[in-house]
């Protein structure tokens, strides 16, 4: 899942070397939280107008997780 998130975001940003993803342990609800960190300059590209790109990233990641019977959440920081 981490590799998929990095692959999606790499195509959006100008500084792909600054992408980091940290995953928390599974919480009591069975959800894994992924924390995505990008360069300050690329933050607007990842979030998009009115959060559309961020919403699309979260949708794709949830769909991929559902195929593996997982629950995930993506936090963009």
PDB file of N, CA and C in Angstrom:
ATOM      1  N   UNK A   1       0.826  -1.192   0.000  1.00  0.00           N
ATOM      2  CA  UNK A   1       0.000   0.000   0.000  1.00  0.00           C
ATOM      3  C   UNK A   1       0.871   1.256   0.000  1.00  0.00           C
ATOM      4  N   UNK A   2       1.938   1.189   0.767  1.00  0.00           N
ATOM      5  CA  UNK A   2       2.846   2.331   0.846  1.00  0.00           C
ATOM      6  C   UNK A   2       3.449   2.630  -0.527  1.00  0.00           C
ATOM      7  N   UNK A   3       3.819   1.591  -1.248  1.00  0.00           N
ATOM      8  CA  UNK A   3       4.414   1.756  -2.575  1.00  0.00           C
ATOM      9  C   UNK A   3       3.413   2.352  -3.553  1.00  0.00           C
ATOM     10  N   UNK A   4       2.145   1.948  -3.446  1.00  0.00           N
ATOM     11  CA  UNK A   4       1.111   2.493  -4.315  1.00  0.00           C
ATOM     12  C   UNK A   4       0.928   3.982  -4.056  1.00  0.00           C
ATOM     13  N   UNK A   5       0.881   4.380  -2.813  1.00  0.00           N
ATOM     14  CA  UNK A   5       0.724   5.789  -2.468  1.00  0.00           C
ATOM     15  C   UNK A   5       1.894   6.617  -2.999  1.00  0.00           C
ATOM     16  N   UNK A   6       3.092   6.104  -2.848  1.00  0.00           N
ATOM     17  CA  UNK A   6       4.275   6.810  -3.363  1.00  0.00           C
ATOM     18  C   UNK A   6       4.219   6.905  -4.886  1.00  0.00           C
ATOM     19  N   UNK A   7       3.792   5.841  -5.551  1.00  0.00           N
ATOM     20  CA  UNK A   7       3.706   5.852  -7.016  1.00  0.00           C
ATOM     21  C   UNK A   7       2.689   6.877  -7.511  1.00  0.00           C
ATOM     22  N   UNK A   8       1.574   6.994  -6.836  1.00  0.00           N
ATOM     23  CA  UNK A   8       0.551   7.960  -7.233  1.00  0.00           C
ATOM     24  C   UNK A   8       1.069   9.385  -7.066  1.00  0.00           C
ATOM     25  N   UNK A   9       1.654   9.671  -5.924  1.00  0.00           N
ATOM     26  CA  UNK A   9       2.074  11.032  -5.606  1.00  0.00           C
ATOM     27  C   UNK A   9       3.299  11.443  -6.413  1.00  0.00           C
ATOM     28  N   UNK A  10       4.160  10.506  -6.762  1.00  0.00           N
ATOM     29  CA  UNK A  10       5.371  10.825  -7.522  1.00  0.00           C
ATOM     30  C   UNK A  10       5.036  11.510  -8.837  1.00  0.00           C
ATOM     31  N   UNK A  11       3.956  11.112  -9.471  1.00  0.00           N
ATOM     32  CA  UNK A  11       3.557  11.730 -10.731  1.00  0.00           C
ATOM     33  C   UNK A  11       3.016  13.134 -10.594  1.00  0.00           C
ATOM     34  N   UNK A  12       2.691  13.540  -9.390  1.00  0.00           N
ATOM     35  CA  UNK A  12       2.083  14.850  -9.162  1.00  0.00           C
ATOM     36  C   UNK A  12       3.077  15.929  -8.749  1.00  0.00           C
ATOM     37  N   UNK A  13       4.144  15.548  -8.084  1.00  0.00           N
ATOM     38  CA  UNK A  13       5.024  16.528  -7.454  1.00  0.00           C
ATOM     39  C   UNK A  13       6.245  16.852  -8.318  1.00  0.00           C
ATOM     40  N   UNK A  14       6.887  17.991  -8.013  1.00  0.00           N
ATOM     41  CA  UNK A  14       8.118  18.379  -8.702  1.00  0.00           C
ATOM     42  C   UNK A  14       9.360  17.853  -7.987  1.00  0.00           C
ATOM     43  N   UNK A  15       9.238  17.570  -6.681  1.00  0.00           N
ATOM     44  CA  UNK A  15      10.363  17.077  -5.898  1.00  0.00           C
ATOM     45  C   UNK A  15      10.029  15.695  -5.325  1.00  0.00           C
ATOM     46  N   UNK A  16      10.083  14.656  -6.158  1.00  0.00           N
ATOM     47  CA  UNK A  16       9.705  13.318  -5.677  1.00  0.00           C
ATOM     48  C   UNK A  16      10.655  12.760  -4.620  1.00  0.00           C
ATOM     49  N   UNK A  17      11.866  13.306  -4.534  1.00  0.00           N
ATOM     50  CA  UNK A  17      12.813  12.803  -3.538  1.00  0.00           C
ATOM     51  C   UNK A  17      12.408  13.196  -2.119  1.00  0.00           C
ATOM     52  N   UNK A  18      11.501  14.155  -1.982  1.00  0.00           N
ATOM     53  CA  UNK A  18      11.074  14.607  -0.656  1.00  0.00           C
ATOM     54  C   UNK A  18       9.787  13.926  -0.171  1.00  0.00           C
ATOM     55  N   UNK A  19       9.310  12.942  -0.902  1.00  0.00           N
ATOM     56  CA  UNK A  19       8.102  12.217  -0.489  1.00  0.00           C
ATOM     57  C   UNK A  19       8.470  11.200   0.589  1.00  0.00           C
ATOM     58  N   UNK A  20       7.762  11.248   1.701  1.00  0.00           N
ATOM     59  CA  UNK A  20       7.911  10.224   2.734  1.00  0.00           C
ATOM     60  C   UNK A  20       6.527   9.772   3.173  1.00  0.00           C
ATOM     61  N   UNK A  21       6.421   8.488   3.458  1.00  0.00           N
ATOM     62  CA  UNK A  21       5.161   7.910   3.922  1.00  0.00           C
ATOM     63  C   UNK A  21       5.451   7.106   5.174  1.00  0.00           C
ATOM     64  N   UNK A  22       4.733   7.415   6.242  1.00  0.00           N
ATOM     65  CA  UNK A  22       4.833   6.672   7.489  1.00  0.00           C
ATOM     66  C   UNK A  22       3.496   6.016   7.766  1.00  0.00           C
ATOM     67  N   UNK A  23       3.527   4.765   8.178  1.00  0.00           N
ATOM     68  CA  UNK A  23       2.290   4.045   8.476  1.00  0.00           C
ATOM     69  C   UNK A  23       2.219   3.737   9.959  1.00  0.00           C
ATOM     70  N   UNK A  24       1.074   4.029  10.555  1.00  0.00           N
ATOM     71  CA  UNK A  24       0.842   3.687  11.952  1.00  0.00           C
ATOM     72  C   UNK A  24       0.452   2.215  12.051  1.00  0.00           C
ATOM     73  N   UNK A  25       0.494   1.701  13.252  1.00  0.00           N
ATOM     74  CA  UNK A  25       0.016   0.344  13.494  1.00  0.00           C
ATOM     75  C   UNK A  25      -1.509   0.331  13.373  1.00  0.00           C
ATOM     76  N   UNK A  26      -2.065  -0.847  13.205  1.00  0.00           N
ATOM     77  CA  UNK A  26      -3.516  -0.996  13.118  1.00  0.00           C
ATOM     78  C   UNK A  26      -4.136  -0.546  14.436  1.00  0.00           C
ATOM     79  N   UNK A  27      -5.113   0.367  14.357  1.00  0.00           N
ATOM     80  CA  UNK A  27      -5.740   0.862  15.582  1.00  0.00           C
ATOM     81  C   UNK A  27      -6.885  -0.058  16.007  1.00  0.00           C
ATOM     82  N   UNK A  28      -7.597   0.323  17.066  1.00  0.00           N
ATOM     83  CA  UNK A  28      -8.640  -0.543  17.616  1.00  0.00           C
ATOM     84  C   UNK A  28      -9.809  -0.761  16.662  1.00  0.00           C
ATOM     85  N   UNK A  29      -9.960   0.127  15.673  1.00  0.00           N
ATOM     86  CA  UNK A  29     -11.026  -0.032  14.679  1.00  0.00           C
ATOM     87  C   UNK A  29     -10.567  -0.831  13.460  1.00  0.00           C
ATOM     88  N   UNK A  30      -9.313  -1.252  13.442  1.00  0.00           N
ATOM     89  CA  UNK A  30      -8.774  -2.015  12.322  1.00  0.00           C
ATOM     90  C   UNK A  30      -8.317  -1.160  11.162  1.00  0.00           C
ATOM     91  N   UNK A  31      -8.031   0.106  11.416  1.00  0.00           N
ATOM     92  CA  UNK A  31      -7.642   1.043  10.363  1.00  0.00           C
ATOM     93  C   UNK A  31      -6.154   1.354  10.468  1.00  0.00           C
ATOM     94  N   UNK A  32      -5.478   1.327   9.332  1.00  0.00           N
ATOM     95  CA  UNK A  32      -4.072   1.727   9.262  1.00  0.00           C
ATOM     96  C   UNK A  32      -4.042   3.149   8.707  1.00  0.00           C
ATOM     97  N   UNK A  33      -3.367   4.062   9.407  1.00  0.00           N
ATOM     98  CA  UNK A  33      -3.276   5.455   8.971  1.00  0.00           C
ATOM     99  C   UNK A  33      -1.920   5.670   8.317  1.00  0.00           C
ATOM    100  N   UNK A  34      -1.953   6.150   7.071  1.00  0.00           N
ATOM    101  CA  UNK A  34      -0.738   6.484   6.338  1.00  0.00           C
ATOM    102  C   UNK A  34      -0.566   8.000   6.361  1.00  0.00           C
ATOM    103  N   UNK A  35       0.607   8.456   6.786  1.00  0.00           N
ATOM    104  CA  UNK A  35       0.922   9.882   6.847  1.00  0.00           C
ATOM    105  C   UNK A  35       1.826  10.217   5.671  1.00  0.00           C
ATOM    106  N   UNK A  36       1.320  11.029   4.755  1.00  0.00           N
ATOM    107  CA  UNK A  36       2.057  11.424   3.561  1.00  0.00           C
ATOM    108  C   UNK A  36       2.665  12.794   3.783  1.00  0.00           C
ATOM    109  N   UNK A  37       3.985  12.898   3.605  1.00  0.00           N
ATOM    110  CA  UNK A  37       4.704  14.163   3.735  1.00  0.00           C
ATOM    111  C   UNK A  37       5.314  14.506   2.379  1.00  0.00           C
ATOM    112  N   UNK A  38       5.042  15.722   1.905  1.00  0.00           N
ATOM    113  CA  UNK A  38       5.638  16.195   0.653  1.00  0.00           C
ATOM    114  C   UNK A  38       6.257  17.569   0.905  1.00  0.00           C
ATOM    115  N   UNK A  39       6.996  18.039  -0.061  1.00  0.00           N
ATOM    116  CA  UNK A  39       7.614  19.367   0.034  1.00  0.00           C
ATOM    117  C   UNK A  39       6.528  20.426   0.175  1.00  0.00           C
ATOM    118  N   UNK A  40       6.859  21.500   0.870  1.00  0.00           N
ATOM    119  CA  UNK A  40       5.899  22.605   1.048  1.00  0.00           C
ATOM    120  C   UNK A  40       5.470  23.169  -0.303  1.00  0.00           C
ATOM    121  N   UNK A  41       6.383  23.189  -1.268  1.00  0.00           N
ATOM    122  CA  UNK A  41       6.074  23.710  -2.604  1.00  0.00           C
ATOM    123  C   UNK A  41       5.094  22.809  -3.350  1.00  0.00           C
ATOM    124  N   UNK A  42       5.093  21.517  -3.052  1.00  0.00           N
ATOM    125  CA  UNK A  42       4.239  20.556  -3.748  1.00  0.00           C
ATOM    126  C   UNK A  42       2.908  20.312  -3.048  1.00  0.00           C
ATOM    127  N   UNK A  43       2.705  20.912  -1.887  1.00  0.00           N
ATOM    128  CA  UNK A  43       1.486  20.659  -1.127  1.00  0.00           C
ATOM    129  C   UNK A  43       0.230  21.008  -1.932  1.00  0.00           C
ATOM    130  N   UNK A  44       0.244  22.115  -2.626  1.00  0.00           N
ATOM    131  CA  UNK A  44      -0.911  22.516  -3.432  1.00  0.00           C
ATOM    132  C   UNK A  44      -1.205  21.549  -4.558  1.00  0.00           C
ATOM    133  N   UNK A  45      -0.167  20.971  -5.133  1.00  0.00           N
ATOM    134  CA  UNK A  45      -0.354  20.001  -6.212  1.00  0.00           C
ATOM    135  C   UNK A  45      -1.000  18.720  -5.702  1.00  0.00           C
ATOM    136  N   UNK A  46      -0.657  18.317  -4.497  1.00  0.00           N
ATOM    137  CA  UNK A  46      -1.191  17.076  -3.937  1.00  0.00           C
ATOM    138  C   UNK A  46      -2.629  17.274  -3.437  1.00  0.00           C
ATOM    139  N   UNK A  47      -2.922  18.451  -2.910  1.00  0.00           N
ATOM    140  CA  UNK A  47      -4.272  18.707  -2.405  1.00  0.00           C
ATOM    141  C   UNK A  47      -5.227  19.065  -3.538  1.00  0.00           C
ATOM    142  N   UNK A  48      -4.803  19.914  -4.448  1.00  0.00           N
ATOM    143  CA  UNK A  48      -5.645  20.281  -5.583  1.00  0.00           C
ATOM    144  C   UNK A  48      -6.679  21.325  -5.218  1.00  0.00           C
ATOM    145  N   UNK A  49      -7.385  21.788  -6.215  1.00  0.00           N
ATOM    146  CA  UNK A  49      -8.429  22.789  -5.999  1.00  0.00           C
ATOM    147  C   UNK A  49      -9.580  22.167  -5.227  1.00  0.00           C
ATOM    148  N   UNK A  50      -9.919  22.814  -4.140  1.00  0.00           N
ATOM    149  CA  UNK A  50     -10.992  22.378  -3.247  1.00  0.00           C
ATOM    150  C   UNK A  50     -10.795  20.934  -2.778  1.00  0.00           C
ATOM    151  N   UNK A  51      -9.532  20.482  -2.756  1.00  0.00           N
ATOM    152  CA  UNK A  51      -9.214  19.156  -2.239  1.00  0.00           C
ATOM    153  C   UNK A  51      -9.570  18.005  -3.152  1.00  0.00           C
ATOM    154  N   UNK A  52      -9.785  18.285  -4.418  1.00  0.00           N
ATOM    155  CA  UNK A  52     -10.222  17.221  -5.343  1.00  0.00           C
ATOM    156  C   UNK A  52      -9.170  16.140  -5.546  1.00  0.00           C
ATOM    157  N   UNK A  53      -7.916  16.530  -5.696  1.00  0.00           N
ATOM    158  CA  UNK A  53      -6.865  15.530  -5.922  1.00  0.00           C
ATOM    159  C   UNK A  53      -6.656  14.704  -4.666  1.00  0.00           C
ATOM    160  N   UNK A  54      -6.655  15.347  -3.501  1.00  0.00           N
ATOM    161  CA  UNK A  54      -6.512  14.617  -2.238  1.00  0.00           C
ATOM    162  C   UNK A  54      -7.650  13.616  -2.070  1.00  0.00           C
ATOM    163  N   UNK A  55      -8.843  14.018  -2.409  1.00  0.00           N
ATOM    164  CA  UNK A  55     -10.002  13.118  -2.305  1.00  0.00           C
ATOM    165  C   UNK A  55      -9.851  11.940  -3.262  1.00  0.00           C
ATOM    166  N   UNK A  56      -9.356  12.202  -4.470  1.00  0.00           N
ATOM    167  CA  UNK A  56      -9.155  11.131  -5.447  1.00  0.00           C
ATOM    168  C   UNK A  56      -8.080  10.147  -4.971  1.00  0.00           C
ATOM    169  N   UNK A  57      -6.998  10.674  -4.388  1.00  0.00           N
ATOM    170  CA  UNK A  57      -5.939   9.806  -3.858  1.00  0.00           C
ATOM    171  C   UNK A  57      -6.508   8.907  -2.766  1.00  0.00           C
ATOM    172  N   UNK A  58      -7.280   9.484  -1.862  1.00  0.00           N
ATOM    173  CA  UNK A  58      -7.875   8.701  -0.771  1.00  0.00           C
ATOM    174  C   UNK A  58      -8.830   7.645  -1.301  1.00  0.00           C
ATOM    175  N   UNK A  59      -9.602   7.979  -2.341  1.00  0.00           N
ATOM    176  CA  UNK A  59     -10.549   7.029  -2.932  1.00  0.00           C
ATOM    177  C   UNK A  59      -9.821   5.841  -3.552  1.00  0.00           C
ATOM    178  N   UNK A  60      -8.777   6.115  -4.307  1.00  0.00           N
ATOM    179  CA  UNK A  60      -8.002   5.040  -4.944  1.00  0.00           C
ATOM    180  C   UNK A  60      -7.352   4.149  -3.887  1.00  0.00           C
ATOM    181  N   UNK A  61      -6.803   4.768  -2.854  1.00  0.00           N
ATOM    182  CA  UNK A  61      -6.143   3.994  -1.803  1.00  0.00           C
ATOM    183  C   UNK A  61      -7.147   3.125  -1.034  1.00  0.00           C
ATOM    184  N   UNK A  62      -8.338   3.659  -0.742  1.00  0.00           N
ATOM    185  CA  UNK A  62      -9.356   2.865  -0.054  1.00  0.00           C
ATOM    186  C   UNK A  62      -9.805   1.700  -0.915  1.00  0.00           C
ATOM    187  N   UNK A  63      -9.938   1.921  -2.225  1.00  0.00           N
ATOM    188  CA  UNK A  63     -10.349   0.855  -3.130  1.00  0.00           C
ATOM    189  C   UNK A  63      -9.292  -0.246  -3.189  1.00  0.00           C
ATOM    190  N   UNK A  64      -8.030   0.144  -3.228  1.00  0.00           N
ATOM    191  CA  UNK A  64      -6.951  -0.851  -3.249  1.00  0.00           C
ATOM    192  C   UNK A  64      -6.901  -1.623  -1.935  1.00  0.00           C
ATOM    193  N   UNK A  65      -7.129  -0.935  -0.838  1.00  0.00           N
ATOM    194  CA  UNK A  65      -7.121  -1.594   0.472  1.00  0.00           C
ATOM    195  C   UNK A  65      -8.293  -2.561   0.602  1.00  0.00           C
ATOM    196  N   UNK A  66      -9.420  -2.191   0.038  1.00  0.00           N
ATOM    197  CA  UNK A  66     -10.594  -3.065   0.113  1.00  0.00           C
ATOM    198  C   UNK A  66     -10.352  -4.385  -0.611  1.00  0.00           C
ATOM    199  N   UNK A  67      -9.568  -4.353  -1.662  1.00  0.00           N
ATOM    200  CA  UNK A  67      -9.239  -5.591  -2.377  1.00  0.00           C
ATOM    201  C   UNK A  67      -8.412  -6.531  -1.519  1.00  0.00           C
ATOM    202  N   UNK A  68      -7.679  -5.969  -0.551  1.00  0.00           N
ATOM    203  CA  UNK A  68      -6.844  -6.768   0.353  1.00  0.00           C
ATOM    204  C   UNK A  68      -7.498  -6.947   1.720  1.00  0.00           C
ATOM    205  N   UNK A  69      -8.790  -6.638   1.813  1.00  0.00           N
ATOM    206  CA  UNK A  69      -9.536  -6.728   3.078  1.00  0.00           C
ATOM    207  C   UNK A  69      -8.870  -5.914   4.187  1.00  0.00           C
ATOM    208  N   UNK A  70      -8.452  -4.714   3.850  1.00  0.00           N
ATOM    209  CA  UNK A  70      -7.844  -3.796   4.816  1.00  0.00           C
ATOM    210  C   UNK A  70      -8.666  -2.513   4.859  1.00  0.00           C
ATOM    211  N   UNK A  71      -8.490  -1.764   5.928  1.00  0.00           N
ATOM    212  CA  UNK A  71      -9.080  -0.436   6.036  1.00  0.00           C
ATOM    213  C   UNK A  71      -7.943   0.541   6.247  1.00  0.00           C
ATOM    214  N   UNK A  72      -7.909   1.592   5.434  1.00  0.00           N
ATOM    215  CA  UNK A  72      -6.840   2.560   5.562  1.00  0.00           C
ATOM    216  C   UNK A  72      -7.392   3.978   5.563  1.00  0.00           C
ATOM    217  N   UNK A  73      -6.539   4.890   5.993  1.00  0.00           N
ATOM    218  CA  UNK A  73      -6.842   6.307   5.975  1.00  0.00           C
ATOM    219  C   UNK A  73      -5.559   7.020   5.562  1.00  0.00           C
ATOM    220  N   UNK A  74      -5.662   8.026   4.712  1.00  0.00           N
ATOM    221  CA  UNK A  74      -4.496   8.766   4.254  1.00  0.00           C
ATOM    222  C   UNK A  74      -4.565  10.190   4.794  1.00  0.00           C
ATOM    223  N   UNK A  75      -3.530  10.580   5.521  1.00  0.00           N
ATOM    224  CA  UNK A  75      -3.399  11.941   6.057  1.00  0.00           C
ATOM    225  C   UNK A  75      -2.288  12.640   5.282  1.00  0.00           C
ATOM    226  N   UNK A  76      -2.591  13.791   4.719  1.00  0.00           N
ATOM    227  CA  UNK A  76      -1.601  14.561   3.978  1.00  0.00           C
ATOM    228  C   UNK A  76      -1.089  15.666   4.880  1.00  0.00           C
ATOM    229  N   UNK A  77       0.217  15.645   5.135  1.00  0.00           N
ATOM    230  CA  UNK A  77       0.811  16.595   6.076  1.00  0.00           C
ATOM    231  C   UNK A  77       1.956  17.342   5.433  1.00  0.00           C
TER     232      UNK A  77
END
